[in-house]
Amino acid sequence: MIPFSEKLSFLMRITDTSNKALAAELSVDPSMVSLMRTGKRKLSKNPLQVQKMASFFAKRCSAAFQRQALSEMLGQSAISPSMPTDILAGYLKNWLQGESSLADTLLTGIQAFPSRAEHLPEPSPASEAPSEPGGQTMFFYGEEGRRQVMRRCMQELRRLEKPGTILAVVDDNLEWLLSDYALSQRIQASLTEIMSRGFSFCQIMPPLNYINRYTESLQFWLPVYVTGRVRVFYYPRLRGNLYRHSMIVVPGCCVQYSCSVALGNTSDITMFSTDPQLVAAFEKQFQQHLNLCLPSLTVHTDPGETIPSFSNFFSLQGDVVQAINSLSITSMPRELLELCIREVEPDLSAVSEGAAPF
């Protein structure tokens, strides 16, 4: 974990901020800022001061190179020149406080999530051209091509009157989408609107061995998951990272498919088609892929359903990996555990030799 002092120095360097300037913003003495940069003073526990510091740096990070530096440092593709300053301030606040990057990223995304698609800027009229009768197949290139295809796919979905199940394979990173903040918010809003009309999703997530790609995808799709109308699966076998691809199939309507090599983005080729035979072929391919997958997550819409799930989870036997701020009960030495019990319950007799502590 990066110490707060290093985070602060990093922000001050990329924004060319002096100790005096930051001190004036926080209404403190410049020597206080110096102590924070050297690690002799920690970040204030006052949430208002933390928010003020985050907002200060967010306003000063408007250039493309600054946003790129923040994106790499925080590991968040969504931090781009198009991200609003107030949203960036939320990311910086969580980062400065040293909280869980995944949990806070997901929560920040929910707080910033638009509830209605019409609140967002609409695409240009040229991109609203209807599909030709009998279907057509088109190819697009690069990141901008991917964005155009996503817009077209959303347009086709909005035209459908009868709801159905959308099939999606997400074995890719979403940098091309998350880097365009306005578009990603518009797509999320459109997806939520589509789900409210009765549509559902069947999704195959990326393999679990690529955690960054997995969490990035989870961040984008979480507002859709909470609807309870998504079935999520994953392919259990490990694969190389040579090819990345994504696919969305709307049965009887359209298909989009993209594939790239390794970490390349600008050389992507993305196909969009409304040809019935091609749509049917990709739907069959998805079903064959799905037959090799396992369930990835379960969404509970009834709070009462969560208790049995937690009980079942904690009753499982096997190896455990935990990230906590203290020794876990499962790894704590027996002698230390007995000492803790006696401190809480002094009258409790010693645990008999060979017996379980609980």
Protein backbone atom coordinates (compact mmCIF):
# COMPACT_ATOMS: atom_id res chain seq x y z
CA MET A 1 0.00 0.00 0.00
CA ILE A 2 1.31 3.43 -0.94
CA PRO A 3 1.82 5.69 2.12
CA PHE A 4 -0.27 8.87 2.28
CA SER A 5 2.90 11.00 2.21
CA GLU A 6 3.87 9.57 -1.20
CA LYS A 7 0.34 10.04 -2.56
CA LEU A 8 0.34 13.66 -1.47
CA SER A 9 3.78 14.34 -2.95
CA PHE A 10 2.70 12.72 -6.21
CA LEU A 11 -0.37 14.94 -6.49
CA MET A 12 1.61 18.04 -5.65
CA ARG A 13 4.24 17.23 -8.28
CA ILE A 14 1.85 16.60 -11.17
CA THR A 15 -0.15 19.74 -10.31
CA ASP A 16 2.93 21.88 -9.57
CA THR A 17 1.48 22.82 -6.18
CA SER A 18 3.61 24.43 -3.49
CA ASN A 19 3.28 23.78 0.23
CA LYS A 20 2.09 27.36 0.65
CA ALA A 21 -0.68 27.03 -1.96
CA LEU A 22 -2.07 23.81 -0.47
CA ALA A 23 -1.80 25.22 3.06
CA ALA A 24 -3.82 28.25 2.04
CA GLU A 25 -6.53 26.01 0.58
CA LEU A 26 -6.70 23.90 3.76
CA SER A 27 -6.34 26.90 6.11
CA VAL A 28 -3.29 25.43 7.83
CA ASP A 29 0.34 26.46 8.26
CA PRO A 30 2.72 25.50 5.39
CA SER A 31 4.81 23.58 7.92
CA MET A 32 1.83 21.21 8.38
CA VAL A 33 1.90 20.35 4.67
CA SER A 34 5.65 19.77 4.90
CA LEU A 35 5.15 17.36 7.79
CA MET A 36 2.49 15.46 5.83
CA ARG A 37 4.80 15.14 2.83
CA THR A 38 7.60 13.72 4.99
CA GLY A 39 5.28 11.27 6.72
CA LYS A 40 5.52 12.89 10.16
CA ARG A 41 1.84 13.85 10.11
CA LYS A 42 -1.02 11.72 8.79
CA LEU A 43 -4.04 12.72 6.79
CA SER A 44 -6.61 14.61 8.83
CA LYS A 45 -9.56 12.58 10.08
CA ASN A 46 -11.81 15.56 9.39
CA PRO A 47 -13.87 14.48 6.34
CA LEU A 48 -14.43 18.10 5.27
CA GLN A 49 -10.69 18.76 5.06
CA VAL A 50 -10.11 15.53 3.14
CA GLN A 51 -12.86 16.47 0.69
CA LYS A 52 -11.38 19.96 0.32
CA MET A 53 -7.95 18.48 -0.47
CA ALA A 54 -9.41 16.04 -3.02
CA SER A 55 -11.44 18.76 -4.72
CA PHE A 56 -8.40 21.06 -4.82
CA PHE A 57 -6.27 18.51 -6.70
CA ALA A 58 -9.15 17.40 -8.93
CA LYS A 59 -9.60 20.97 -10.21
CA ARG A 60 -5.87 21.20 -10.94
CA CYS A 61 -5.79 17.89 -12.84
CA SER A 62 -7.53 18.91 -16.05
CA ALA A 63 -4.78 18.23 -18.60
CA ALA A 64 -4.71 14.95 -20.49
CA PHE A 65 -1.23 13.99 -19.20
CA GLN A 66 -2.37 14.58 -15.60
CA ARG A 67 -5.45 12.40 -16.00
CA GLN A 68 -3.30 9.71 -17.63
CA ALA A 69 -0.89 9.80 -14.70
CA LEU A 70 -3.77 9.48 -12.24
CA SER A 71 -5.30 6.64 -14.24
CA GLU A 72 -2.06 4.67 -14.07
CA MET A 73 -1.39 5.47 -10.41
CA LEU A 74 -4.90 4.57 -9.22
CA GLY A 75 -5.33 1.72 -11.70
CA GLN A 76 -8.60 3.17 -13.02
CA SER A 77 -9.26 3.44 -16.76
CA ALA A 78 -12.31 5.59 -16.04
CA ILE A 79 -10.07 8.50 -15.04
CA SER A 80 -9.87 10.32 -18.36
CA PRO A 81 -10.11 13.93 -19.62
CA SER A 82 -13.88 13.46 -20.01
CA MET A 83 -14.48 12.58 -16.34
CA PRO A 84 -16.19 15.46 -14.46
CA THR A 85 -14.10 17.15 -11.78
CA ASP A 86 -16.49 16.30 -8.94
CA ILE A 87 -16.40 12.60 -9.81
CA LEU A 88 -12.59 12.67 -9.96
CA ALA A 89 -12.58 14.29 -6.51
CA GLY A 90 -14.46 11.27 -5.17
CA TYR A 91 -11.83 8.89 -6.55
CA LEU A 92 -9.01 11.00 -5.09
CA LYS A 93 -10.70 11.19 -1.68
CA ASN A 94 -10.97 7.40 -1.42
CA TRP A 95 -7.39 6.98 -2.65
CA LEU A 96 -5.94 9.49 -0.19
CA GLN A 97 -7.78 7.81 2.67
CA GLY A 98 -6.22 4.51 1.67
CA GLU A 99 -9.50 2.62 1.55
CA SER A 100 -10.25 -0.51 -0.49
CA SER A 101 -9.84 0.50 -4.12
CA LEU A 102 -12.35 -2.03 -5.48
CA ALA A 103 -15.13 -1.39 -2.95
CA ASP A 104 -14.77 2.37 -3.13
CA THR A 105 -14.59 2.36 -6.91
CA LEU A 106 -17.84 0.40 -7.08
CA LEU A 107 -19.54 2.72 -4.59
CA THR A 108 -18.28 5.82 -6.38
CA GLY A 109 -19.62 4.43 -9.64
CA ILE A 110 -23.05 3.84 -8.11
CA GLN A 111 -23.19 7.34 -6.64
CA ALA A 112 -22.30 8.84 -10.03
CA PHE A 113 -24.64 6.57 -11.96
CA PRO A 114 -27.36 8.46 -13.89
CA SER A 115 -30.90 7.25 -13.26
CA ARG A 116 -32.34 8.36 -16.59
CA ALA A 117 -30.73 8.17 -20.01
CA GLU A 118 -32.30 11.44 -21.17
CA HIS A 119 -30.18 13.36 -18.66
CA LEU A 120 -27.16 12.63 -20.82
CA PRO A 121 -26.15 14.11 -24.19
CA GLU A 122 -27.58 12.20 -27.13
CA PRO A 123 -25.44 10.96 -30.03
CA SER A 124 -25.39 12.83 -33.31
CA PRO A 125 -28.30 12.25 -35.75
CA ALA A 126 -25.96 10.48 -38.18
CA SER A 127 -25.48 7.61 -35.72
CA GLU A 128 -29.27 7.10 -35.48
CA ALA A 129 -29.62 5.70 -39.00
CA PRO A 130 -31.96 2.67 -38.96
CA SER A 131 -30.82 -0.76 -40.07
CA GLU A 132 -31.35 -1.70 -43.71
CA PRO A 133 -34.10 -4.27 -44.47
CA GLY A 134 -32.72 -7.80 -44.62
CA GLY A 135 -29.74 -6.98 -42.45
CA GLN A 136 -26.28 -5.61 -43.07
CA THR A 137 -22.77 -6.28 -41.81
CA MET A 138 -20.27 -3.49 -41.12
CA PHE A 139 -16.75 -3.29 -39.76
CA PHE A 140 -15.27 -0.58 -37.57
CA TYR A 141 -11.73 0.09 -36.40
CA GLY A 142 -10.01 1.28 -33.26
CA GLU A 143 -11.50 2.54 -30.03
CA GLU A 144 -13.80 5.01 -31.78
CA GLY A 145 -15.13 2.15 -33.88
CA ARG A 146 -16.00 0.23 -30.73
CA ARG A 147 -17.90 3.20 -29.38
CA GLN A 148 -19.87 3.57 -32.63
CA VAL A 149 -20.83 -0.10 -32.55
CA MET A 150 -21.97 0.13 -28.93
CA ARG A 151 -24.19 3.08 -29.83
CA ARG A 152 -25.69 1.16 -32.73
CA CYS A 153 -26.37 -1.85 -30.53
CA MET A 154 -28.17 0.32 -27.97
CA GLN A 155 -30.24 1.88 -30.76
CA GLU A 156 -31.35 -1.56 -31.98
CA LEU A 157 -32.31 -2.56 -28.43
CA ARG A 158 -34.38 0.58 -27.95
CA ARG A 159 -36.33 -0.25 -31.12
CA LEU A 160 -37.31 -3.72 -29.90
CA GLU A 161 -40.84 -3.93 -28.56
CA LYS A 162 -40.77 -7.48 -27.20
CA PRO A 163 -38.23 -8.06 -24.37
CA GLY A 164 -35.82 -10.97 -24.53
CA THR A 165 -32.48 -12.22 -23.21
CA ILE A 166 -29.29 -10.45 -24.31
CA LEU A 167 -26.21 -12.66 -24.57
CA ALA A 168 -22.83 -11.11 -23.71
CA VAL A 169 -19.22 -12.30 -23.52
CA VAL A 170 -16.88 -9.87 -21.73
CA ASP A 171 -13.38 -11.30 -22.12
CA ASP A 172 -11.84 -7.89 -22.58
CA ASN A 173 -10.92 -4.74 -20.70
CA LEU A 174 -13.25 -1.74 -20.88
CA GLU A 175 -10.65 0.99 -21.21
CA TRP A 176 -12.08 2.03 -24.57
CA LEU A 177 -15.46 2.64 -22.93
CA LEU A 178 -14.54 3.83 -19.44
CA SER A 179 -12.14 6.41 -20.89
CA ASP A 180 -15.16 8.17 -22.43
CA TYR A 181 -17.02 9.13 -19.27
CA ALA A 182 -20.12 10.60 -20.94
CA LEU A 183 -20.56 7.57 -23.20
CA SER A 184 -20.08 5.03 -20.40
CA GLN A 185 -22.70 6.81 -18.28
CA ARG A 186 -25.10 6.95 -21.24
CA ILE A 187 -24.62 3.24 -21.97
CA GLN A 188 -25.18 2.33 -18.30
CA ALA A 189 -28.35 4.43 -18.22
CA SER A 190 -29.56 2.80 -21.45
CA LEU A 191 -28.92 -0.66 -20.04
CA THR A 192 -30.90 0.13 -16.90
CA GLU A 193 -33.75 1.47 -19.02
CA ILE A 194 -33.70 -1.68 -21.14
CA MET A 195 -33.79 -3.87 -18.02
CA SER A 196 -36.79 -1.93 -16.72
CA ARG A 197 -38.64 -2.90 -19.92
CA GLY A 198 -38.30 -6.59 -19.08
CA PHE A 199 -35.04 -7.54 -20.80
CA SER A 200 -32.57 -9.85 -19.08
CA PHE A 201 -28.88 -10.70 -19.54
CA CYS A 202 -26.89 -13.90 -19.75
CA GLN A 203 -23.22 -12.95 -19.40
CA ILE A 204 -19.88 -14.76 -19.51
CA MET A 205 -17.26 -12.87 -17.52
CA PRO A 206 -13.47 -12.87 -18.12
CA PRO A 207 -11.35 -15.59 -16.45
CA LEU A 208 -10.66 -14.96 -12.79
CA ASN A 209 -6.88 -14.99 -13.24
CA TYR A 210 -6.98 -11.49 -14.73
CA ILE A 211 -8.26 -9.63 -11.68
CA ASN A 212 -7.89 -6.10 -13.08
CA ARG A 213 -9.99 -6.93 -16.11
CA TYR A 214 -12.52 -8.74 -13.91
CA THR A 215 -12.97 -5.89 -11.43
CA GLU A 216 -13.14 -3.30 -14.21
CA SER A 217 -15.95 -5.26 -15.82
CA LEU A 218 -17.66 -5.69 -12.45
CA GLN A 219 -17.48 -1.94 -11.87
CA PHE A 220 -19.29 -1.20 -15.14
CA TRP A 221 -21.94 -3.93 -14.88
CA LEU A 222 -22.80 -3.64 -11.17
CA PRO A 223 -25.82 -1.30 -11.68
CA VAL A 224 -27.23 -3.93 -14.06
CA TYR A 225 -26.52 -6.81 -11.67
CA VAL A 226 -28.55 -5.24 -8.87
CA THR A 227 -31.69 -5.56 -10.99
CA GLY A 228 -31.60 -9.31 -10.37
CA ARG A 229 -32.21 -9.99 -14.07
CA VAL A 230 -28.68 -11.13 -14.96
CA ARG A 231 -27.21 -14.63 -14.99
CA VAL A 232 -23.40 -14.50 -14.84
CA PHE A 233 -20.99 -17.32 -15.70
CA TYR A 234 -17.25 -17.78 -16.18
CA TYR A 235 -15.03 -20.22 -18.05
CA PRO A 236 -13.10 -22.12 -15.34
CA ARG A 237 -9.97 -23.03 -17.25
CA LEU A 238 -6.99 -20.68 -17.37
CA ARG A 239 -6.03 -19.28 -20.74
CA GLY A 240 -3.23 -17.22 -22.16
CA ASN A 241 -3.65 -13.49 -22.59
CA LEU A 242 -2.90 -13.49 -26.30
CA TYR A 243 -6.42 -12.76 -27.56
CA ARG A 244 -9.15 -10.65 -26.03
CA HIS A 245 -12.65 -10.50 -27.37
CA SER A 246 -16.15 -9.34 -26.52
CA MET A 247 -19.51 -10.19 -28.00
CA ILE A 248 -23.10 -9.04 -27.54
CA VAL A 249 -25.86 -11.00 -29.24
CA VAL A 250 -29.47 -9.85 -29.31
CA PRO A 251 -31.25 -12.95 -30.70
CA GLY A 252 -33.21 -12.19 -33.84
CA CYS A 253 -31.88 -8.63 -33.93
CA CYS A 254 -28.14 -7.91 -34.06
CA VAL A 255 -24.64 -8.95 -32.99
CA GLN A 256 -21.45 -7.07 -32.24
CA TYR A 257 -18.07 -8.80 -32.00
CA SER A 258 -14.56 -7.45 -31.44
CA CYS A 259 -11.19 -9.10 -31.09
CA SER A 260 -7.69 -7.80 -30.47
CA VAL A 261 -4.22 -9.18 -29.73
CA ALA A 262 -2.57 -8.78 -26.33
CA LEU A 263 -2.78 -5.20 -25.04
CA GLY A 264 -3.52 -3.56 -28.37
CA ASN A 265 -6.46 -1.15 -28.56
CA THR A 266 -6.07 1.01 -31.64
CA SER A 267 -5.78 -1.98 -34.01
CA ASP A 268 -9.12 -3.49 -32.93
CA ILE A 269 -11.56 -4.70 -35.55
CA THR A 270 -15.20 -4.60 -34.45
CA MET A 271 -18.05 -6.12 -36.44
CA PHE A 272 -21.70 -5.14 -36.22
CA SER A 273 -24.37 -7.07 -38.09
CA THR A 274 -28.14 -7.33 -38.35
CA ASP A 275 -27.91 -10.24 -40.81
CA PRO A 276 -30.28 -12.93 -39.41
CA GLN A 277 -28.00 -15.84 -40.36
CA LEU A 278 -24.95 -14.23 -38.78
CA VAL A 279 -26.88 -13.36 -35.62
CA ALA A 280 -28.09 -16.96 -35.36
CA ALA A 281 -24.54 -18.28 -35.89
CA PHE A 282 -23.14 -16.16 -33.05
CA GLU A 283 -26.05 -17.13 -30.81
CA LYS A 284 -25.17 -20.79 -31.37
CA GLN A 285 -21.50 -20.05 -30.63
CA PHE A 286 -22.49 -18.36 -27.37
CA GLN A 287 -24.54 -21.37 -26.27
CA GLN A 288 -21.59 -23.69 -26.98
CA HIS A 289 -19.34 -21.42 -24.89
CA LEU A 290 -21.93 -21.27 -22.11
CA ASN A 291 -22.04 -25.07 -21.88
CA LEU A 292 -18.37 -24.99 -20.76
CA CYS A 293 -18.92 -22.36 -18.04
CA LEU A 294 -19.84 -22.31 -14.36
CA PRO A 295 -22.02 -19.83 -12.41
CA SER A 296 -20.05 -16.79 -11.26
CA LEU A 297 -22.34 -14.87 -8.92
CA THR A 298 -25.83 -14.84 -7.43
CA VAL A 299 -27.92 -11.69 -6.96
CA HIS A 300 -30.44 -11.71 -4.10
CA THR A 301 -33.30 -9.23 -4.39
CA ASP A 302 -34.90 -10.41 -1.12
CA PRO A 303 -32.82 -9.55 2.00
CA GLY A 304 -34.12 -12.71 3.68
CA GLU A 305 -32.35 -14.84 1.07
CA THR A 306 -28.90 -13.59 2.11
CA ILE A 307 -28.84 -15.24 5.57
CA PRO A 308 -28.84 -18.85 4.28
CA SER A 309 -26.22 -17.87 1.70
CA PHE A 310 -23.89 -16.45 4.38
CA SER A 311 -24.46 -19.49 6.60
CA ASN A 312 -23.65 -21.81 3.73
CA PHE A 313 -20.52 -19.82 2.83
CA PHE A 314 -19.08 -19.91 6.36
CA SER A 315 -19.88 -23.61 6.75
CA LEU A 316 -17.72 -24.59 3.78
CA GLN A 317 -14.51 -26.47 4.55
CA GLY A 318 -11.27 -25.66 2.77
CA ASP A 319 -8.47 -23.15 2.39
CA VAL A 320 -9.32 -19.54 3.21
CA VAL A 321 -7.77 -16.28 2.03
CA GLN A 322 -8.70 -13.23 4.12
CA ALA A 323 -7.69 -9.56 3.97
CA ILE A 324 -8.25 -8.06 7.43
CA ASN A 325 -6.47 -5.67 9.80
CA SER A 326 -5.82 -8.29 12.50
CA LEU A 327 -5.06 -11.97 12.94
CA SER A 328 -7.96 -14.14 11.79
CA ILE A 329 -9.44 -16.75 14.10
CA THR A 330 -8.56 -19.48 11.61
CA SER A 331 -4.83 -18.59 11.65
CA MET A 332 -4.48 -17.40 15.26
CA PRO A 333 -2.30 -19.64 17.51
CA ARG A 334 -4.38 -21.66 19.98
CA GLU A 335 -2.63 -20.12 23.00
CA LEU A 336 -3.35 -16.58 21.82
CA LEU A 337 -6.98 -17.46 21.12
CA GLU A 338 -7.44 -18.90 24.64
CA LEU A 339 -5.85 -15.75 26.13
CA CYS A 340 -8.29 -13.54 24.21
CA ILE A 341 -11.23 -15.61 25.43
CA ARG A 342 -10.10 -15.32 29.07
CA GLU A 343 -9.71 -11.54 28.76
CA VAL A 344 -13.28 -11.26 27.52
CA GLU A 345 -14.68 -13.90 29.93
CA PRO A 346 -12.34 -14.11 32.98
CA ASP A 347 -14.46 -16.82 34.62
CA LEU A 348 -14.35 -19.06 31.60
CA SER A 349 -12.47 -22.23 32.43
CA ALA A 350 -9.49 -23.23 30.37
CA VAL A 351 -10.27 -25.08 27.22
CA SER A 352 -9.61 -28.75 27.74
CA GLU A 353 -6.61 -30.22 26.03
CA GLY A 354 -7.38 -31.49 22.60
CA ALA A 355 -10.83 -29.84 22.44
CA ALA A 356 -11.82 -27.17 19.96
CA PRO A 357 -11.81 -23.62 21.45
CA PHE A 358 -15.42 -23.10 20.34
